[in-house]
C-alpha atoms as a PDB file:
ATOM      1  CA  MET A   1      24.881 -67.946 140.828  1.00  0.00           C
ATOM      2  CA  ASN A   2      25.995 -70.205 143.596  1.00  0.00           C
ATOM      3  CA  TRP A   3      26.072 -68.929 147.131  1.00  0.00           C
ATOM      4  CA  ASP A   4      29.878 -69.147 147.348  1.00  0.00           C
ATOM      5  CA  ARG A   5      30.129 -66.229 144.928  1.00  0.00           C
ATOM      6  CA  ILE A   6      27.685 -64.169 146.993  1.00  0.00           C
ATOM      7  CA  GLU A   7      29.557 -64.997 150.181  1.00  0.00           C
ATOM      8  CA  GLY A   8      32.907 -64.136 148.603  1.00  0.00           C
ATOM      9  CA  ASN A   9      31.578 -60.798 147.348  1.00  0.00           C
ATOM     10  CA  TRP A  10      29.267 -60.056 150.265  1.00  0.00           C
ATOM     11  CA  LYS A  11      30.109 -56.358 150.450  1.00  0.00           C
ATOM     12  CA  ARG A  12      29.018 -55.961 146.842  1.00  0.00           C
ATOM     13  CA  PHE A  13      25.673 -57.668 147.470  1.00  0.00           C
ATOM     14  CA  GLN A  14      24.860 -56.005 150.792  1.00  0.00           C
ATOM     15  CA  GLY A  15      23.129 -53.020 149.176  1.00  0.00           C
ATOM     16  CA  SER A  16      20.697 -55.240 147.333  1.00  0.00           C
ATOM     17  CA  ALA A  17      20.043 -57.276 150.473  1.00  0.00           C
ATOM     18  CA  LYS A  18      19.472 -54.088 152.490  1.00  0.00           C
ATOM     19  CA  GLU A  19      16.863 -52.981 149.956  1.00  0.00           C
ATOM     20  CA  GLN A  20      15.142 -56.358 150.198  1.00  0.00           C
ATOM     21  CA  TRP A  21      15.180 -56.674 153.997  1.00  0.00           C
ATOM     22  CA  GLY A  22      15.080 -53.160 155.421  1.00  0.00           C
ATOM     23  CA  LYS A  23      14.568 -54.339 159.010  1.00  0.00           C
ATOM     24  CA  LEU A  24      18.089 -55.753 159.062  1.00  0.00           C
ATOM     25  CA  THR A  25      20.688 -53.299 160.336  1.00  0.00           C
ATOM     26  CA  ASP A  26      24.270 -52.704 159.252  1.00  0.00           C
ATOM     27  CA  ASP A  27      25.332 -54.676 162.337  1.00  0.00           C
ATOM     28  CA  HIS A  28      23.218 -57.600 161.134  1.00  0.00           C
ATOM     29  CA  PHE A  29      24.947 -57.528 157.753  1.00  0.00           C
ATOM     30  CA  VAL A  30      28.357 -57.545 159.431  1.00  0.00           C
ATOM     31  CA  GLN A  31      27.233 -60.497 161.559  1.00  0.00           C
ATOM     32  CA  ILE A  32      25.898 -62.342 158.499  1.00  0.00           C
ATOM     33  CA  ALA A  33      29.214 -61.962 156.650  1.00  0.00           C
ATOM     34  CA  GLY A  34      27.727 -63.622 153.584  1.00  0.00           C
ATOM     35  CA  ARG A  35      26.599 -66.790 155.335  1.00  0.00           C
ATOM     36  CA  ARG A  36      23.240 -67.920 153.997  1.00  0.00           C
ATOM     37  CA  GLU A  37      22.177 -69.622 157.237  1.00  0.00           C
ATOM     38  CA  GLN A  38      22.826 -66.428 159.201  1.00  0.00           C
ATOM     39  CA  LEU A  39      20.844 -64.395 156.676  1.00  0.00           C
ATOM     40  CA  THR A  40      17.828 -66.690 156.716  1.00  0.00           C
ATOM     41  CA  GLY A  41      17.896 -66.918 160.505  1.00  0.00           C
ATOM     42  CA  LEU A  42      17.909 -63.156 160.965  1.00  0.00           C
ATOM     43  CA  ILE A  43      15.180 -62.680 158.357  1.00  0.00           C
ATOM     44  CA  GLN A  44      13.083 -65.271 160.167  1.00  0.00           C
ATOM     45  CA  GLN A  45      13.676 -63.555 163.508  1.00  0.00           C
ATOM     46  CA  GLN A  46      13.199 -59.932 162.395  1.00  0.00           C
ATOM     47  CA  TYR A  47      10.145 -60.564 160.212  1.00  0.00           C
ATOM     48  CA  GLY A  48       8.473 -63.250 162.339  1.00  0.00           C
ATOM     49  CA  ILE A  49       8.194 -65.723 159.483  1.00  0.00           C
ATOM     50  CA  THR A  50       8.874 -69.434 159.157  1.00  0.00           C
ATOM     51  CA  LYS A  51      12.241 -70.833 158.197  1.00  0.00           C
ATOM     52  CA  GLU A  52      10.715 -72.099 154.962  1.00  0.00           C
ATOM     53  CA  GLU A  53       9.425 -68.637 154.051  1.00  0.00           C
ATOM     54  CA  ALA A  54      12.809 -67.068 154.851  1.00  0.00           C
ATOM     55  CA  GLU A  55      14.532 -69.678 152.655  1.00  0.00           C
ATOM     56  CA  LYS A  56      12.059 -68.946 149.863  1.00  0.00           C
ATOM     57  CA  GLN A  57      12.760 -65.207 150.083  1.00  0.00           C
ATOM     58  CA  VAL A  58      16.526 -65.726 150.073  1.00  0.00           C
ATOM     59  CA  GLY A  59      16.269 -68.069 147.086  1.00  0.00           C
ATOM     60  CA  ALA A  60      14.202 -65.534 145.139  1.00  0.00           C
ATOM     61  CA  TRP A  61      16.653 -62.761 146.033  1.00  0.00           C
ATOM     62  CA  GLN A  62      19.575 -64.938 144.964  1.00  0.00           C
ATOM     63  CA  GLN A  63      17.952 -65.423 141.560  1.00  0.00           C
ATOM     64  CA  ARG A  64      17.387 -61.666 141.173  1.00  0.00           C
ATOM     65  CA  VAL A  65      20.973 -60.681 142.011  1.00  0.00           C
ATOM     66  CA  LYS A  66      22.152 -63.297 139.544  1.00  0.00           C
ATOM     67  CA  LEU A  67      20.426 -61.383 136.754  1.00  0.00           C
ATOM     68  CA  LYS A  68      22.176 -58.095 137.538  1.00  0.00           C
END
């Protein structure tokens, strides 16, 4: 699934993302608004990980939601 579909249906995918990254708040998800760069940046910030690790996590999550 390409990211445009996730962004366009962000409200539908928020629950799965909240399960994956529990440190992110509802306000964070509103701020993200489906934008991948925002998501990876907040994951990096909240979890204290590198940008590369955040990108890896988002990519793995994207593959999992594709299978549902």
